[in-house]
Amino acid sequence: MSLIKWTEEDDGGIRLGLPSDLDLPMAQPLLDSLRAAVRASADVTVQAEGVERISAACIQALVVAARDAAGRGAAFAVATPSEILAEACEDLGLAAWLKQWSQA
């Protein structure tokens, strides 16, 4: 059972709800879910307000998904990123990336 909640929206988009704990073992399942969502829809939103802990590997998975979506011409957004996610991106020098892909 995946801790990542996959929801198909009425408009055909996909919303992925992230769990509160995105530690290192969650990086591969997260990347797999993100890649599947980008392949399945031209509109992917990651719901991130509940993230309380995140590894650099999981942030890397989000960056890869955003790049993949852009390469496919798909929309990708991180909806309401938590303060923890924002701080982790800031620490890694990725604040501008998060701002580019965020929906507040």
PDB file of N, CA and C in Angstrom:
ATOM      1  N   MET A   1       0.839  -1.180   0.000  1.00  0.00           N
ATOM      2  CA  MET A   1       0.000   0.000   0.000  1.00  0.00           C
ATOM      3  C   MET A   1       0.888   1.250   0.000  1.00  0.00           C
ATOM      4  N   SER A   2       0.605   2.143  -0.921  1.00  0.00           N
ATOM      5  CA  SER A   2       1.391   3.367  -1.016  1.00  0.00           C
ATOM      6  C   SER A   2       0.834   4.426  -0.080  1.00  0.00           C
ATOM      7  N   LEU A   3       1.706   5.206   0.498  1.00  0.00           N
ATOM      8  CA  LEU A   3       1.295   6.314   1.349  1.00  0.00           C
ATOM      9  C   LEU A   3       0.987   7.559   0.528  1.00  0.00           C
ATOM     10  N   ILE A   4       1.240   7.490  -0.757  1.00  0.00           N
ATOM     11  CA  ILE A   4       0.974   8.609  -1.656  1.00  0.00           C
ATOM     12  C   ILE A   4      -0.432   8.431  -2.207  1.00  0.00           C
ATOM     13  N   LYS A   5      -1.292   9.416  -1.961  1.00  0.00           N
ATOM     14  CA  LYS A   5      -2.694   9.319  -2.375  1.00  0.00           C
ATOM     15  C   LYS A   5      -2.848   9.848  -3.798  1.00  0.00           C
ATOM     16  N   TRP A   6      -3.358   9.020  -4.675  1.00  0.00           N
ATOM     17  CA  TRP A   6      -3.540   9.337  -6.087  1.00  0.00           C
ATOM     18  C   TRP A   6      -5.019   9.615  -6.305  1.00  0.00           C
ATOM     19  N   THR A   7      -5.350  10.797  -6.817  1.00  0.00           N
ATOM     20  CA  THR A   7      -6.734  11.161  -7.094  1.00  0.00           C
ATOM     21  C   THR A   7      -6.837  11.682  -8.515  1.00  0.00           C
ATOM     22  N   GLU A   8      -7.775  11.122  -9.275  1.00  0.00           N
ATOM     23  CA  GLU A   8      -8.043  11.630 -10.614  1.00  0.00           C
ATOM     24  C   GLU A   8      -9.123  12.692 -10.506  1.00  0.00           C
ATOM     25  N   GLU A   9      -8.813  13.888 -10.987  1.00  0.00           N
ATOM     26  CA  GLU A   9      -9.726  15.019 -10.915  1.00  0.00           C
ATOM     27  C   GLU A   9     -10.753  14.945 -12.050  1.00  0.00           C
ATOM     28  N   ASP A  10     -11.855  15.655 -11.900  1.00  0.00           N
ATOM     29  CA  ASP A  10     -12.900  15.680 -12.921  1.00  0.00           C
ATOM     30  C   ASP A  10     -12.399  16.226 -14.254  1.00  0.00           C
ATOM     31  N   ASP A  11     -11.421  17.123 -14.209  1.00  0.00           N
ATOM     32  CA  ASP A  11     -10.891  17.730 -15.434  1.00  0.00           C
ATOM     33  C   ASP A  11      -9.804  16.878 -16.095  1.00  0.00           C
ATOM     34  N   GLY A  12      -9.564  15.679 -15.573  1.00  0.00           N
ATOM     35  CA  GLY A  12      -8.565  14.783 -16.147  1.00  0.00           C
ATOM     36  C   GLY A  12      -7.192  14.897 -15.522  1.00  0.00           C
ATOM     37  N   GLY A  13      -7.018  15.884 -14.651  1.00  0.00           N
ATOM     38  CA  GLY A  13      -5.744  16.044 -13.962  1.00  0.00           C
ATOM     39  C   GLY A  13      -5.572  15.012 -12.870  1.00  0.00           C
ATOM     40  N   ILE A  14      -4.363  14.902 -12.385  1.00  0.00           N
ATOM     41  CA  ILE A  14      -4.055  13.973 -11.298  1.00  0.00           C
ATOM     42  C   ILE A  14      -3.493  14.770 -10.133  1.00  0.00           C
ATOM     43  N   ARG A  15      -3.990  14.458  -8.951  1.00  0.00           N
ATOM     44  CA  ARG A  15      -3.520  15.089  -7.716  1.00  0.00           C
ATOM     45  C   ARG A  15      -2.884  14.003  -6.866  1.00  0.00           C
ATOM     46  N   LEU A  16      -1.637  14.252  -6.464  1.00  0.00           N
ATOM     47  CA  LEU A  16      -0.930  13.321  -5.585  1.00  0.00           C
ATOM     48  C   LEU A  16      -0.819  13.952  -4.204  1.00  0.00           C
ATOM     49  N   GLY A  17      -1.384  13.309  -3.213  1.00  0.00           N
ATOM     50  CA  GLY A  17      -1.283  13.771  -1.837  1.00  0.00           C
ATOM     51  C   GLY A  17      -0.077  13.136  -1.179  1.00  0.00           C
ATOM     52  N   LEU A  18       0.828  13.971  -0.726  1.00  0.00           N
ATOM     53  CA  LEU A  18       2.059  13.460  -0.115  1.00  0.00           C
ATOM     54  C   LEU A  18       1.859  13.155   1.361  1.00  0.00           C
ATOM     55  N   PRO A  19       2.517  12.114   1.858  1.00  0.00           N
ATOM     56  CA  PRO A  19       2.458  11.806   3.283  1.00  0.00           C
ATOM     57  C   PRO A  19       3.281  12.806   4.089  1.00  0.00           C
ATOM     58  N   SER A  20       3.119  12.781   5.381  1.00  0.00           N
ATOM     59  CA  SER A  20       3.846  13.721   6.239  1.00  0.00           C
ATOM     60  C   SER A  20       5.339  13.420   6.298  1.00  0.00           C
ATOM     61  N   ASP A  21       5.713  12.166   6.167  1.00  0.00           N
ATOM     62  CA  ASP A  21       7.111  11.764   6.306  1.00  0.00           C
ATOM     63  C   ASP A  21       7.651  11.248   4.975  1.00  0.00           C
ATOM     64  N   LEU A  22       8.449  12.058   4.319  1.00  0.00           N
ATOM     65  CA  LEU A  22       9.081  11.674   3.054  1.00  0.00           C
ATOM     66  C   LEU A  22      10.568  11.456   3.293  1.00  0.00           C
ATOM     67  N   ASP A  23      10.883  10.367   3.984  1.00  0.00           N
ATOM     68  CA  ASP A  23      12.272  10.048   4.289  1.00  0.00           C
ATOM     69  C   ASP A  23      12.901   9.317   3.104  1.00  0.00           C
ATOM     70  N   LEU A  24      14.139   8.939   3.236  1.00  0.00           N
ATOM     71  CA  LEU A  24      14.887   8.328   2.137  1.00  0.00           C
ATOM     72  C   LEU A  24      14.193   7.110   1.518  1.00  0.00           C
ATOM     73  N   PRO A  25      13.635   6.164   2.299  1.00  0.00           N
ATOM     74  CA  PRO A  25      12.973   5.023   1.668  1.00  0.00           C
ATOM     75  C   PRO A  25      11.754   5.402   0.819  1.00  0.00           C
ATOM     76  N   MET A  26      11.213   6.591   1.007  1.00  0.00           N
ATOM     77  CA  MET A  26      10.057   7.032   0.223  1.00  0.00           C
ATOM     78  C   MET A  26      10.455   7.630  -1.123  1.00  0.00           C
ATOM     79  N   ALA A  27      11.743   7.862  -1.346  1.00  0.00           N
ATOM     80  CA  ALA A  27      12.180   8.538  -2.579  1.00  0.00           C
ATOM     81  C   ALA A  27      11.794   7.754  -3.832  1.00  0.00           C
ATOM     82  N   GLN A  28      12.058   6.461  -3.867  1.00  0.00           N
ATOM     83  CA  GLN A  28      11.740   5.692  -5.074  1.00  0.00           C
ATOM     84  C   GLN A  28      10.235   5.560  -5.288  1.00  0.00           C
ATOM     85  N   PRO A  29       9.429   5.231  -4.258  1.00  0.00           N
ATOM     86  CA  PRO A  29       7.984   5.207  -4.482  1.00  0.00           C
ATOM     87  C   PRO A  29       7.429   6.562  -4.926  1.00  0.00           C
ATOM     88  N   LEU A  30       7.989   7.648  -4.373  1.00  0.00           N
ATOM     89  CA  LEU A  30       7.558   8.975  -4.778  1.00  0.00           C
ATOM     90  C   LEU A  30       7.890   9.216  -6.243  1.00  0.00           C
ATOM     91  N   LEU A  31       9.110   8.931  -6.630  1.00  0.00           N
ATOM     92  CA  LEU A  31       9.517   9.118  -8.020  1.00  0.00           C
ATOM     93  C   LEU A  31       8.659   8.274  -8.961  1.00  0.00           C
ATOM     94  N   ASP A  32       8.413   7.027  -8.599  1.00  0.00           N
ATOM     95  CA  ASP A  32       7.573   6.151  -9.428  1.00  0.00           C
ATOM     96  C   ASP A  32       6.164   6.717  -9.583  1.00  0.00           C
ATOM     97  N   SER A  33       5.586   7.198  -8.485  1.00  0.00           N
ATOM     98  CA  SER A  33       4.235   7.773  -8.528  1.00  0.00           C
ATOM     99  C   SER A  33       4.200   9.038  -9.372  1.00  0.00           C
ATOM    100  N   LEU A  34       5.200   9.882  -9.209  1.00  0.00           N
ATOM    101  CA  LEU A  34       5.260  11.120  -9.982  1.00  0.00           C
ATOM    102  C   LEU A  34       5.408  10.835 -11.473  1.00  0.00           C
ATOM    103  N   ARG A  35       6.278   9.919 -11.816  1.00  0.00           N
ATOM    104  CA  ARG A  35       6.483   9.584 -13.234  1.00  0.00           C
ATOM    105  C   ARG A  35       5.218   8.976 -13.836  1.00  0.00           C
ATOM    106  N   ALA A  36       4.543   8.112 -13.093  1.00  0.00           N
ATOM    107  CA  ALA A  36       3.286   7.525 -13.584  1.00  0.00           C
ATOM    108  C   ALA A  36       2.230   8.607 -13.786  1.00  0.00           C
ATOM    109  N   ALA A  37       2.159   9.555 -12.877  1.00  0.00           N
ATOM    110  CA  ALA A  37       1.180  10.638 -12.997  1.00  0.00           C
ATOM    111  C   ALA A  37       1.475  11.502 -14.214  1.00  0.00           C
ATOM    112  N   VAL A  38       2.741  11.830 -14.434  1.00  0.00           N
ATOM    113  CA  VAL A  38       3.114  12.657 -15.586  1.00  0.00           C
ATOM    114  C   VAL A  38       2.820  11.921 -16.893  1.00  0.00           C
ATOM    115  N   ARG A  39       3.002  10.608 -16.910  1.00  0.00           N
ATOM    116  CA  ARG A  39       2.676   9.826 -18.118  1.00  0.00           C
ATOM    117  C   ARG A  39       1.167   9.756 -18.346  1.00  0.00           C
ATOM    118  N   ALA A  40       0.396   9.747 -17.255  1.00  0.00           N
ATOM    119  CA  ALA A  40      -1.053   9.546 -17.354  1.00  0.00           C
ATOM    120  C   ALA A  40      -1.849  10.819 -17.609  1.00  0.00           C
ATOM    121  N   SER A  41      -1.287  11.979 -17.319  1.00  0.00           N
ATOM    122  CA  SER A  41      -2.057  13.215 -17.419  1.00  0.00           C
ATOM    123  C   SER A  41      -1.173  14.389 -17.825  1.00  0.00           C
ATOM    124  N   ALA A  42      -1.804  15.371 -18.450  1.00  0.00           N
ATOM    125  CA  ALA A  42      -1.088  16.593 -18.818  1.00  0.00           C
ATOM    126  C   ALA A  42      -1.175  17.634 -17.710  1.00  0.00           C
ATOM    127  N   ASP A  43      -1.742  17.256 -16.576  1.00  0.00           N
ATOM    128  CA  ASP A  43      -1.928  18.198 -15.467  1.00  0.00           C
ATOM    129  C   ASP A  43      -1.734  17.449 -14.151  1.00  0.00           C
ATOM    130  N   VAL A  44      -0.587  17.654 -13.513  1.00  0.00           N
ATOM    131  CA  VAL A  44      -0.260  16.957 -12.264  1.00  0.00           C
ATOM    132  C   VAL A  44      -0.051  17.988 -11.156  1.00  0.00           C
ATOM    133  N   THR A  45      -0.764  17.769 -10.048  1.00  0.00           N
ATOM    134  CA  THR A  45      -0.621  18.632  -8.884  1.00  0.00           C
ATOM    135  C   THR A  45      -0.199  17.777  -7.698  1.00  0.00           C
ATOM    136  N   VAL A  46       0.829  18.233  -7.007  1.00  0.00           N
ATOM    137  CA  VAL A  46       1.314  17.551  -5.813  1.00  0.00           C
ATOM    138  C   VAL A  46       0.830  18.349  -4.604  1.00  0.00           C
ATOM    139  N   GLN A  47       0.025  17.718  -3.776  1.00  0.00           N
ATOM    140  CA  GLN A  47      -0.507  18.343  -2.568  1.00  0.00           C
ATOM    141  C   GLN A  47       0.514  18.143  -1.456  1.00  0.00           C
ATOM    142  N   ALA A  48       1.139  19.245  -0.986  1.00  0.00           N
ATOM    143  CA  ALA A  48       2.299  19.118  -0.106  1.00  0.00           C
ATOM    144  C   ALA A  48       2.170  19.838   1.226  1.00  0.00           C
ATOM    145  N   GLU A  49       0.966  20.248   1.602  1.00  0.00           N
ATOM    146  CA  GLU A  49       0.836  21.013   2.845  1.00  0.00           C
ATOM    147  C   GLU A  49       1.093  20.185   4.097  1.00  0.00           C
ATOM    148  N   GLY A  50       0.984  18.871   4.009  1.00  0.00           N
ATOM    149  CA  GLY A  50       1.161  18.026   5.185  1.00  0.00           C
ATOM    150  C   GLY A  50       2.565  17.499   5.394  1.00  0.00           C
ATOM    151  N   VAL A  51       3.500  17.880   4.536  1.00  0.00           N
ATOM    152  CA  VAL A  51       4.875  17.367   4.650  1.00  0.00           C
ATOM    153  C   VAL A  51       5.534  17.942   5.901  1.00  0.00           C
ATOM    154  N   GLU A  52       5.934  17.037   6.799  1.00  0.00           N
ATOM    155  CA  GLU A  52       6.584  17.433   8.051  1.00  0.00           C
ATOM    156  C   GLU A  52       8.068  17.081   8.078  1.00  0.00           C
ATOM    157  N   ARG A  53       8.464  16.169   7.190  1.00  0.00           N
ATOM    158  CA  ARG A  53       9.866  15.758   7.097  1.00  0.00           C
ATOM    159  C   ARG A  53      10.117  15.310   5.665  1.00  0.00           C
ATOM    160  N   ILE A  54      11.244  15.776   5.096  1.00  0.00           N
ATOM    161  CA  ILE A  54      11.526  15.412   3.701  1.00  0.00           C
ATOM    162  C   ILE A  54      13.035  15.273   3.505  1.00  0.00           C
ATOM    163  N   SER A  55      13.410  14.221   2.806  1.00  0.00           N
ATOM    164  CA  SER A  55      14.823  13.986   2.503  1.00  0.00           C
ATOM    165  C   SER A  55      15.198  14.715   1.216  1.00  0.00           C
ATOM    166  N   ALA A  56      16.485  14.917   1.043  1.00  0.00           N
ATOM    167  CA  ALA A  56      16.980  15.535  -0.194  1.00  0.00           C
ATOM    168  C   ALA A  56      16.627  14.668  -1.401  1.00  0.00           C
ATOM    169  N   ALA A  57      16.615  13.363  -1.217  1.00  0.00           N
ATOM    170  CA  ALA A  57      16.272  12.461  -2.323  1.00  0.00           C
ATOM    171  C   ALA A  57      14.826  12.646  -2.773  1.00  0.00           C
ATOM    172  N   CYS A  58      13.927  12.923  -1.844  1.00  0.00           N
ATOM    173  CA  CYS A  58      12.526  13.156  -2.208  1.00  0.00           C
ATOM    174  C   CYS A  58      12.365  14.507  -2.898  1.00  0.00           C
ATOM    175  N   ILE A  59      13.134  15.492  -2.467  1.00  0.00           N
ATOM    176  CA  ILE A  59      13.107  16.772  -3.167  1.00  0.00           C
ATOM    177  C   ILE A  59      13.640  16.575  -4.585  1.00  0.00           C
ATOM    178  N   GLN A  60      14.674  15.783  -4.715  1.00  0.00           N
ATOM    179  CA  GLN A  60      15.219  15.490  -6.041  1.00  0.00           C
ATOM    180  C   GLN A  60      14.155  14.823  -6.917  1.00  0.00           C
ATOM    181  N   ALA A  61      13.350  13.914  -6.351  1.00  0.00           N
ATOM    182  CA  ALA A  61      12.278  13.268  -7.110  1.00  0.00           C
ATOM    183  C   ALA A  61      11.273  14.303  -7.613  1.00  0.00           C
ATOM    184  N   LEU A  62      10.957  15.291  -6.786  1.00  0.00           N
ATOM    185  CA  LEU A  62      10.032  16.352  -7.211  1.00  0.00           C
ATOM    186  C   LEU A  62      10.634  17.179  -8.346  1.00  0.00           C
ATOM    187  N   VAL A  63      11.916  17.478  -8.249  1.00  0.00           N
ATOM    188  CA  VAL A  63      12.595  18.250  -9.293  1.00  0.00           C
ATOM    189  C   VAL A  63      12.602  17.463 -10.607  1.00  0.00           C
ATOM    190  N   VAL A  64      12.889  16.175 -10.532  1.00  0.00           N
ATOM    191  CA  VAL A  64      12.891  15.328 -11.723  1.00  0.00           C
ATOM    192  C   VAL A  64      11.502  15.295 -12.355  1.00  0.00           C
ATOM    193  N   ALA A  65      10.467  15.169 -11.543  1.00  0.00           N
ATOM    194  CA  ALA A  65       9.100  15.134 -12.068  1.00  0.00           C
ATOM    195  C   ALA A  65       8.737  16.449 -12.749  1.00  0.00           C
ATOM    196  N   ALA A  66       9.128  17.562 -12.157  1.00  0.00           N
ATOM    197  CA  ALA A  66       8.857  18.864 -12.774  1.00  0.00           C
ATOM    198  C   ALA A  66       9.561  18.969 -14.126  1.00  0.00           C
ATOM    199  N   ARG A  67      10.791  18.507 -14.184  1.00  0.00           N
ATOM    200  CA  ARG A  67      11.552  18.521 -15.442  1.00  0.00           C
ATOM    201  C   ARG A  67      10.896  17.613 -16.482  1.00  0.00           C
ATOM    202  N   ASP A  68      10.485  16.418 -16.058  1.00  0.00           N
ATOM    203  CA  ASP A  68       9.823  15.486 -16.972  1.00  0.00           C
ATOM    204  C   ASP A  68       8.515  16.071 -17.499  1.00  0.00           C
ATOM    205  N   ALA A  69       7.742  16.688 -16.610  1.00  0.00           N
ATOM    206  CA  ALA A  69       6.470  17.296 -17.015  1.00  0.00           C
ATOM    207  C   ALA A  69       6.723  18.411 -18.031  1.00  0.00           C
ATOM    208  N   ALA A  70       7.703  19.255 -17.755  1.00  0.00           N
ATOM    209  CA  ALA A  70       8.020  20.349 -18.680  1.00  0.00           C
ATOM    210  C   ALA A  70       8.440  19.798 -20.040  1.00  0.00           C
ATOM    211  N   GLY A  71       9.211  18.727 -20.030  1.00  0.00           N
ATOM    212  CA  GLY A  71       9.640  18.104 -21.277  1.00  0.00           C
ATOM    213  C   GLY A  71       8.502  17.530 -22.083  1.00  0.00           C
ATOM    214  N   ARG A  72       7.429  17.134 -21.423  1.00  0.00           N
ATOM    215  CA  ARG A  72       6.252  16.591 -22.095  1.00  0.00           C
ATOM    216  C   ARG A  72       5.220  17.681 -22.405  1.00  0.00           C
ATOM    217  N   GLY A  73       5.486  18.889 -21.966  1.00  0.00           N
ATOM    218  CA  GLY A  73       4.518  19.963 -22.151  1.00  0.00           C
ATOM    219  C   GLY A  73       3.344  19.863 -21.191  1.00  0.00           C
ATOM    220  N   ALA A  74       3.534  19.143 -20.098  1.00  0.00           N
ATOM    221  CA  ALA A  74       2.482  18.953 -19.100  1.00  0.00           C
ATOM    222  C   ALA A  74       2.585  20.020 -18.016  1.00  0.00           C
ATOM    223  N   ALA A  75       1.464  20.274 -17.374  1.00  0.00           N
ATOM    224  CA  ALA A  75       1.440  21.201 -16.241  1.00  0.00           C
ATOM    225  C   ALA A  75       1.840  20.431 -14.986  1.00  0.00           C
ATOM    226  N   PHE A  76       2.672  21.037 -14.158  1.00  0.00           N
ATOM    227  CA  PHE A  76       3.106  20.434 -12.905  1.00  0.00           C
ATOM    228  C   PHE A  76       3.089  21.519 -11.848  1.00  0.00           C
ATOM    229  N   ALA A  77       2.527  21.201 -10.691  1.00  0.00           N
ATOM    230  CA  ALA A  77       2.479  22.198  -9.622  1.00  0.00           C
ATOM    231  C   ALA A  77       2.619  21.523  -8.273  1.00  0.00           C
ATOM    232  N   VAL A  78       3.242  22.240  -7.348  1.00  0.00           N
ATOM    233  CA  VAL A  78       3.307  21.824  -5.952  1.00  0.00           C
ATOM    234  C   VAL A  78       2.324  22.738  -5.214  1.00  0.00           C
ATOM    235  N   ALA A  79       1.194  22.172  -4.797  1.00  0.00           N
ATOM    236  CA  ALA A  79       0.157  22.968  -4.148  1.00  0.00           C
ATOM    237  C   ALA A  79       0.457  23.122  -2.667  1.00  0.00           C
ATOM    238  N   THR A  80       0.357  24.326  -2.202  1.00  0.00           N
ATOM    239  CA  THR A  80       0.532  24.681  -0.796  1.00  0.00           C
ATOM    240  C   THR A  80       1.681  23.921  -0.125  1.00  0.00           C
ATOM    241  N   PRO A  81       2.911  24.172  -0.569  1.00  0.00           N
ATOM    242  CA  PRO A  81       4.045  23.483   0.065  1.00  0.00           C
ATOM    243  C   PRO A  81       4.132  23.850   1.549  1.00  0.00           C
ATOM    244  N   SER A  82       4.406  22.847   2.358  1.00  0.00           N
ATOM    245  CA  SER A  82       4.540  23.084   3.798  1.00  0.00           C
ATOM    246  C   SER A  82       5.762  23.945   4.082  1.00  0.00           C
ATOM    247  N   GLU A  83       5.799  24.499   5.269  1.00  0.00           N
ATOM    248  CA  GLU A  83       6.953  25.295   5.686  1.00  0.00           C
ATOM    249  C   GLU A  83       8.217  24.437   5.700  1.00  0.00           C
ATOM    250  N   ILE A  84       8.078  23.193   6.107  1.00  0.00           N
ATOM    251  CA  ILE A  84       9.226  22.265   6.148  1.00  0.00           C
ATOM    252  C   ILE A  84       9.777  22.049   4.737  1.00  0.00           C
ATOM    253  N   LEU A  85       8.889  21.828   3.776  1.00  0.00           N
ATOM    254  CA  LEU A  85       9.323  21.644   2.391  1.00  0.00           C
ATOM    255  C   LEU A  85       9.995  22.914   1.879  1.00  0.00           C
ATOM    256  N   ALA A  86       9.410  24.054   2.153  1.00  0.00           N
ATOM    257  CA  ALA A  86       9.988  25.327   1.710  1.00  0.00           C
ATOM    258  C   ALA A  86      11.371  25.543   2.324  1.00  0.00           C
ATOM    259  N   GLU A  87      11.519  25.250   3.608  1.00  0.00           N
ATOM    260  CA  GLU A  87      12.814  25.413   4.277  1.00  0.00           C
ATOM    261  C   GLU A  87      13.857  24.452   3.717  1.00  0.00           C
ATOM    262  N   ALA A  88      13.448  23.212   3.449  1.00  0.00           N
ATOM    263  CA  ALA A  88      14.388  22.231   2.895  1.00  0.00           C
ATOM    264  C   ALA A  88      14.855  22.663   1.508  1.00  0.00           C
ATOM    265  N   CYS A  89      13.935  23.183   0.695  1.00  0.00           N
ATOM    266  CA  CYS A  89      14.315  23.675  -0.628  1.00  0.00           C
ATOM    267  C   CYS A  89      15.257  24.867  -0.502  1.00  0.00           C
ATOM    268  N   GLU A  90      14.979  25.733   0.443  1.00  0.00           N
ATOM    269  CA  GLU A  90      15.850  26.889   0.685  1.00  0.00           C
ATOM    270  C   GLU A  90      17.254  26.411   1.067  1.00  0.00           C
ATOM    271  N   ASP A  91      17.336  25.447   1.979  1.00  0.00           N
ATOM    272  CA  ASP A  91      18.632  24.918   2.421  1.00  0.00           C
ATOM    273  C   ASP A  91      19.435  24.318   1.265  1.00  0.00           C
ATOM    274  N   LEU A  92      18.730  23.743   0.272  1.00  0.00           N
ATOM    275  CA  LEU A  92      19.389  23.096  -0.861  1.00  0.00           C
ATOM    276  C   LEU A  92      19.596  24.046  -2.046  1.00  0.00           C
ATOM    277  N   GLY A  93      19.242  25.309  -1.859  1.00  0.00           N
ATOM    278  CA  GLY A  93      19.389  26.273  -2.945  1.00  0.00           C
ATOM    279  C   GLY A  93      18.319  26.139  -4.007  1.00  0.00           C
ATOM    280  N   LEU A  94      17.173  25.574  -3.641  1.00  0.00           N
ATOM    281  CA  LEU A  94      16.105  25.328  -4.600  1.00  0.00           C
ATOM    282  C   LEU A  94      14.856  26.174  -4.346  1.00  0.00           C
ATOM    283  N   ALA A  95      15.018  27.265  -3.630  1.00  0.00           N
ATOM    284  CA  ALA A  95      13.865  28.120  -3.329  1.00  0.00           C
ATOM    285  C   ALA A  95      13.229  28.655  -4.613  1.00  0.00           C
ATOM    286  N   ALA A  96      14.040  29.046  -5.587  1.00  0.00           N
ATOM    287  CA  ALA A  96      13.506  29.561  -6.851  1.00  0.00           C
ATOM    288  C   ALA A  96      12.747  28.476  -7.602  1.00  0.00           C
ATOM    289  N   TRP A  97      13.265  27.246  -7.557  1.00  0.00           N
ATOM    290  CA  TRP A  97      12.565  26.123  -8.195  1.00  0.00           C
ATOM    291  C   TRP A  97      11.191  25.948  -7.571  1.00  0.00           C
ATOM    292  N   LEU A  98      11.134  25.936  -6.241  1.00  0.00           N
ATOM    293  CA  LEU A  98       9.859  25.733  -5.557  1.00  0.00           C
ATOM    294  C   LEU A  98       8.892  26.868  -5.890  1.00  0.00           C
ATOM    295  N   LYS A  99       9.388  28.068  -5.918  1.00  0.00           N
ATOM    296  CA  LYS A  99       8.528  29.218  -6.241  1.00  0.00           C
ATOM    297  C   LYS A  99       7.966  29.080  -7.661  1.00  0.00           C
ATOM    298  N   GLN A 100       8.789  28.619  -8.601  1.00  0.00           N
ATOM    299  CA  GLN A 100       8.348  28.459  -9.980  1.00  0.00           C
ATOM    300  C   GLN A 100       7.204  27.459 -10.092  1.00  0.00           C
ATOM    301  N   TRP A 101       7.254  26.389  -9.310  1.00  0.00           N
ATOM    302  CA  TRP A 101       6.280  25.301  -9.443  1.00  0.00           C
ATOM    303  C   TRP A 101       5.177  25.343  -8.395  1.00  0.00           C
ATOM    304  N   SER A 102       5.189  26.315  -7.508  1.00  0.00           N
ATOM    305  CA  SER A 102       4.221  26.351  -6.404  1.00  0.00           C
ATOM    306  C   SER A 102       2.910  26.990  -6.785  1.00  0.00           C
ATOM    307  N   GLN A 103       1.869  26.458  -6.164  1.00  0.00           N
ATOM    308  CA  GLN A 103       0.541  27.046  -6.172  1.00  0.00           C
ATOM    309  C   GLN A 103       0.193  27.290  -4.724  1.00  0.00           C
ATOM    310  N   ALA A 104       0.040  28.533  -4.341  1.00  0.00           N
ATOM    311  CA  ALA A 104      -0.284  28.811  -2.942  1.00  0.00           C
ATOM    312  C   ALA A 104      -1.783  28.873  -2.746  1.00  0.00           C
TER     313      ALA A 104
END
